[in-house]
Every structure is written in structure tokens, then in C-alpha cells.
């Protein structure tokens, strides 16, 4: 499966100690640095509850403690720019929203947990050993069900939210808008790991709903 972007040849970085920023990158940094980010757990949870339309995190296994530790680890890193902190905060809200949606879905349809997943493909290997390429190769088989990136970001649709008049899932539209913005601000990311909406994603995004990594 190919990338949605153009092929990128080898890239040499000679400005790691003093990055040369584009005008767009400089404007983004200046804008975000002027807006301090706060990791107030109650406020982040309130945002997630509003987005999910549900309020039960199913905190029966220490999830709250793991969330607190996760946030504390971010706040203790004094080398993070506001842009990075903002990205991490958005990620926490997204994970909380997805966990809330999952808990609500299981409450409404408890029979989901009894559905058997038959003959799954499980790819295991050392880092940088080609596991992602193997996953993409297997996913290219139309007989298989693989997880696209856009769906990994929001695996459960919001209640009452469905495709638009053109049949486009709003979750896909949001993932595409985020990717388009990233390609404008940091196009070189595509040479490292281009997570365009249709890209096949691994299970890490689903496992992260437990914050037990």
C-alpha cells in the first residue's frame, strides 16, 4: 500500500541544533507559545464528556491513577514547547472521549463482548524490523479487515453523528483535515511515518484507551 503523498528521497538534516523554520512554522510556534496549556484533569474530562455524550469512565481498575501519572509525567518535562503540550492535551481528551464512548456502547450492547474474533493476524517483531510493512501487506488483501488511521482515532462514532450527504464519515473528514494541516506545517513528517487517513494503523491507539502503556 503506497503513501498518499509523493515519494520522498533521502533527506539530510544539517540544522538539528539550530532549526531553520519556514514562515508558517515560525508563525505557528509564536502563536502557540503565547497560549500556555493547562493539564487540568477535571476540565479535560468535562470536555471529553461533552464530546462523547457519556460520563462513565469505568474506573474500576485504577484508570484514574494511571491518568494522573500520565499527566504528571507530561507536566514534569520542562523541555516541551506549548505546541507539543497542546498536542498531548488534545490526545488525552481524545482518549478520554473514546473510553467514555466505549463504556457507553458496552452498556447499551453488552453482547458485543461475546463476539468471537476468529483467526486474527498478530504481527510481532523488533522495532524497525519491518513489522509495519508486513501489516500493510496483509491489510492489502481485500478479504481482511484492517484498522485505518482515521478509524483508530475515533473508533466509535458519536451518537447521532453519521455520514454526510456524500457518504463521508465525519471522523474521516476530521482526520483528513488534521493531516492536511500537518503536511502544510511539517511536510517532512511524511518521510518518517505518514499517517494519512487511509493508512493502516496498528493496535496501539486502541490499547492506549487504558493508559497502561
Protein backbone atom coordinates (compact mmCIF):
# COMPACT_ATOMS: atom_id res chain seq x y z
CA UNK A 1 0.00 0.00 0.00
CA UNK A 2 1.50 3.30 -1.03
CA UNK A 3 1.51 6.65 0.69
CA UNK A 4 -0.95 9.31 -0.36
CA UNK A 5 1.90 11.78 -0.69
CA UNK A 6 4.77 11.98 -3.18
CA UNK A 7 7.80 9.74 -2.91
CA UNK A 8 10.47 11.33 -0.76
CA UNK A 9 14.14 10.59 -1.31
CA UNK A 10 16.80 10.51 1.38
CA UNK A 11 16.78 13.69 3.45
CA UNK A 12 19.82 15.14 5.20
CA UNK A 13 19.20 17.34 8.22
CA UNK A 14 22.02 19.77 8.90
CA UNK A 15 20.13 22.17 11.19
CA UNK A 16 19.23 19.97 14.18
CA UNK A 17 20.95 22.23 16.70
CA UNK A 18 19.51 25.40 15.17
CA UNK A 19 16.45 24.56 13.05
CA UNK A 20 15.68 26.73 10.06
CA UNK A 21 11.96 27.34 10.22
CA UNK A 22 9.62 28.30 7.42
CA UNK A 23 7.42 31.35 7.85
CA UNK A 24 4.44 29.08 8.53
CA UNK A 25 6.32 27.10 11.18
CA UNK A 26 7.55 30.28 12.85
CA UNK A 27 4.04 31.72 12.96
CA UNK A 28 2.65 28.52 14.46
CA UNK A 29 5.30 28.45 17.20
CA UNK A 30 4.81 32.12 18.03
CA UNK A 31 1.06 31.67 18.21
CA UNK A 32 1.16 28.56 20.41
CA UNK A 33 3.91 29.82 22.72
CA UNK A 34 1.72 32.79 23.64
CA UNK A 35 -1.01 30.44 24.90
CA UNK A 36 0.04 28.40 27.96
CA UNK A 37 -1.51 24.93 28.16
CA UNK A 38 -3.05 23.64 31.38
CA UNK A 39 -3.49 19.95 32.13
CA UNK A 40 -6.46 20.22 34.48
CA UNK A 41 -7.83 16.66 34.61
CA UNK A 42 -11.34 17.71 35.65
CA UNK A 43 -11.52 20.20 32.79
CA UNK A 44 -10.19 17.71 30.23
CA UNK A 45 -12.70 15.13 31.44
CA UNK A 46 -15.52 17.65 31.19
CA UNK A 47 -14.56 18.35 27.57
CA UNK A 48 -14.49 14.63 26.82
CA UNK A 49 -17.88 14.09 28.48
CA UNK A 50 -19.41 16.87 26.37
CA UNK A 51 -17.98 15.39 23.17
CA UNK A 52 -18.96 11.79 23.95
CA UNK A 53 -22.34 12.45 25.50
CA UNK A 54 -21.41 9.95 28.23
CA UNK A 55 -19.84 10.28 31.66
CA UNK A 56 -18.77 6.82 32.84
CA UNK A 57 -15.03 6.06 32.52
CA UNK A 58 -15.47 2.61 34.09
CA UNK A 59 -12.72 3.42 36.59
CA UNK A 60 -12.71 0.08 38.34
CA UNK A 61 -9.11 -0.92 37.65
CA UNK A 62 -7.07 2.12 38.63
CA UNK A 63 -7.56 4.06 35.41
CA UNK A 64 -7.79 7.33 37.32
CA UNK A 65 -4.42 6.72 38.94
CA UNK A 66 -2.85 5.94 35.56
CA UNK A 67 -4.36 9.11 34.10
CA UNK A 68 -2.93 11.16 36.97
CA UNK A 69 0.52 9.59 36.49
CA UNK A 70 0.35 10.19 32.73
CA UNK A 71 -0.46 13.88 33.18
CA UNK A 72 2.20 14.28 35.88
CA UNK A 73 4.84 12.83 33.55
CA UNK A 74 3.96 15.39 30.87
CA UNK A 75 3.96 18.29 33.31
CA UNK A 76 7.34 17.27 34.74
CA UNK A 77 9.00 17.59 31.32
CA UNK A 78 10.16 21.21 31.22
CA UNK A 79 11.59 20.84 27.72
CA UNK A 80 8.23 20.75 25.96
CA UNK A 81 7.04 23.69 23.91
CA UNK A 82 3.44 24.82 24.23
CA UNK A 83 2.76 23.34 20.78
CA UNK A 84 3.77 19.87 21.98
CA UNK A 85 1.85 20.28 25.23
CA UNK A 86 -1.23 21.34 23.29
CA UNK A 87 -0.95 18.26 21.09
CA UNK A 88 -0.58 15.99 24.12
CA UNK A 89 -3.56 17.62 25.83
CA UNK A 90 -5.74 17.11 22.76
CA UNK A 91 -4.64 13.48 22.72
CA UNK A 92 -5.66 12.96 26.35
CA UNK A 93 -9.09 14.46 25.70
CA UNK A 94 -9.48 12.22 22.65
CA UNK A 95 -8.54 9.10 24.61
CA UNK A 96 -10.94 10.04 27.40
CA UNK A 97 -13.72 10.67 24.89
CA UNK A 98 -13.11 7.32 23.19
CA UNK A 99 -13.06 5.46 26.51
CA UNK A 100 -16.33 7.13 27.55
CA UNK A 101 -17.90 6.19 24.20
CA UNK A 102 -16.69 2.60 24.54
CA UNK A 103 -18.07 2.25 28.06
CA UNK A 104 -21.41 3.64 26.92
CA UNK A 105 -21.51 1.33 23.90
CA UNK A 106 -20.86 -1.78 26.01
CA UNK A 107 -23.59 -0.70 28.42
CA UNK A 108 -26.10 -0.47 25.59
CA UNK A 109 -24.94 -3.59 23.78
CA UNK A 110 -23.26 -5.95 26.30
CA UNK A 111 -23.47 -8.78 23.76
CA UNK A 112 -20.53 -7.16 21.94
CA UNK A 113 -18.14 -8.70 24.47
CA UNK A 114 -19.28 -12.19 23.49
CA UNK A 115 -18.42 -11.74 19.81
CA UNK A 116 -15.54 -14.01 18.87
CA UNK A 117 -12.75 -12.69 16.63
CA UNK A 118 -11.77 -15.69 14.56
CA UNK A 119 -8.31 -16.25 13.14
CA UNK A 120 -6.79 -12.82 13.77
CA UNK A 121 -3.39 -11.94 12.33
CA UNK A 122 -0.97 -10.95 15.09
CA UNK A 123 2.30 -9.39 13.90
CA UNK A 124 5.15 -9.37 16.43
CA UNK A 125 8.71 -8.20 15.85
CA UNK A 126 11.55 -5.98 16.96
CA UNK A 127 11.33 -2.25 16.36
CA UNK A 128 12.33 -1.11 12.86
CA UNK A 129 12.35 -4.71 11.64
CA UNK A 130 9.62 -4.29 9.02
CA UNK A 131 6.50 -5.10 11.06
CA UNK A 132 4.63 -2.07 9.72
CA UNK A 133 5.36 -3.11 6.14
CA UNK A 134 4.11 -6.62 6.92
CA UNK A 135 0.91 -5.24 8.46
CA UNK A 136 0.33 -3.14 5.34
CA UNK A 137 0.95 -6.14 3.09
CA UNK A 138 -1.59 -8.27 4.96
CA UNK A 139 -4.09 -5.39 5.03
CA UNK A 140 -3.87 -5.07 1.24
CA UNK A 141 -5.84 -8.34 0.98
CA UNK A 142 -9.49 -7.24 0.49
CA UNK A 143 -10.68 -10.34 2.34
CA UNK A 144 -9.24 -8.98 5.57
CA UNK A 145 -10.48 -6.25 7.91
CA UNK A 146 -7.73 -3.84 8.89
CA UNK A 147 -7.78 -0.68 11.00
CA UNK A 148 -7.38 2.59 9.04
CA UNK A 149 -5.80 5.51 10.86
CA UNK A 150 -8.92 7.68 10.74
CA UNK A 151 -10.92 4.97 12.50
CA UNK A 152 -8.21 4.36 15.10
CA UNK A 153 -8.53 8.00 16.19
CA UNK A 154 -12.28 7.73 16.74
CA UNK A 155 -13.21 4.04 16.75
CA UNK A 156 -16.76 4.68 17.97
CA UNK A 157 -19.00 7.19 16.16
CA UNK A 158 -20.63 9.83 18.32
CA UNK A 159 -24.30 9.11 18.97
CA UNK A 160 -26.45 10.75 16.33
CA UNK A 161 -23.49 11.51 14.06
CA UNK A 162 -23.38 9.75 10.69
CA UNK A 163 -22.06 10.20 7.15
CA UNK A 164 -22.84 13.41 5.30
CA UNK A 165 -24.93 13.62 2.11
CA UNK A 166 -21.90 12.43 0.13
CA UNK A 167 -21.43 9.37 2.34
CA UNK A 168 -18.28 10.74 4.02
CA UNK A 169 -17.85 9.75 7.66
CA UNK A 170 -17.22 12.90 9.74
CA UNK A 171 -14.48 11.02 11.60
CA UNK A 172 -12.65 10.59 8.30
CA UNK A 173 -13.18 14.25 7.44
CA UNK A 174 -11.64 15.34 10.75
CA UNK A 175 -8.63 13.05 10.31
CA UNK A 176 -8.08 14.36 6.79
CA UNK A 177 -8.27 17.99 7.91
CA UNK A 178 -5.67 17.31 10.63
CA UNK A 179 -3.39 15.54 8.16
CA UNK A 180 -3.70 18.32 5.59
CA UNK A 181 -2.74 20.87 8.25
CA UNK A 182 0.25 18.76 9.32
CA UNK A 183 1.51 18.47 5.74
CA UNK A 184 1.46 22.26 5.48
CA UNK A 185 3.29 22.85 8.76
CA UNK A 186 5.67 19.86 8.73
CA UNK A 187 5.68 18.06 5.35
CA UNK A 188 8.89 16.18 6.16
CA UNK A 189 6.87 14.05 8.61
CA UNK A 190 5.63 12.12 5.58
CA UNK A 191 9.15 10.73 5.11
CA UNK A 192 9.16 9.29 8.63
CA UNK A 193 5.69 7.86 9.18
CA UNK A 194 2.91 9.34 7.10
CA UNK A 195 -0.34 8.72 8.95
CA UNK A 196 -2.69 9.81 6.21
CA UNK A 197 -6.36 8.92 6.91
CA UNK A 198 -6.39 5.70 4.88
CA UNK A 199 -3.07 4.43 6.26
CA UNK A 200 -3.30 1.17 8.16
CA UNK A 201 -2.74 1.75 11.86
CA UNK A 202 -1.58 -0.70 14.49
CA UNK A 203 -3.43 -1.54 17.69
CA UNK A 204 -1.54 0.95 19.88
CA UNK A 205 -4.29 3.57 19.56
CA UNK A 206 -6.86 1.10 20.88
CA UNK A 207 -4.63 -0.12 23.71
CA UNK A 208 -3.99 3.49 24.73
CA UNK A 209 -7.61 3.79 25.87
CA UNK A 210 -6.42 2.09 29.06
CA UNK A 211 -3.37 4.37 29.54
CA UNK A 212 -1.42 1.32 30.67
CA UNK A 213 1.46 1.61 28.21
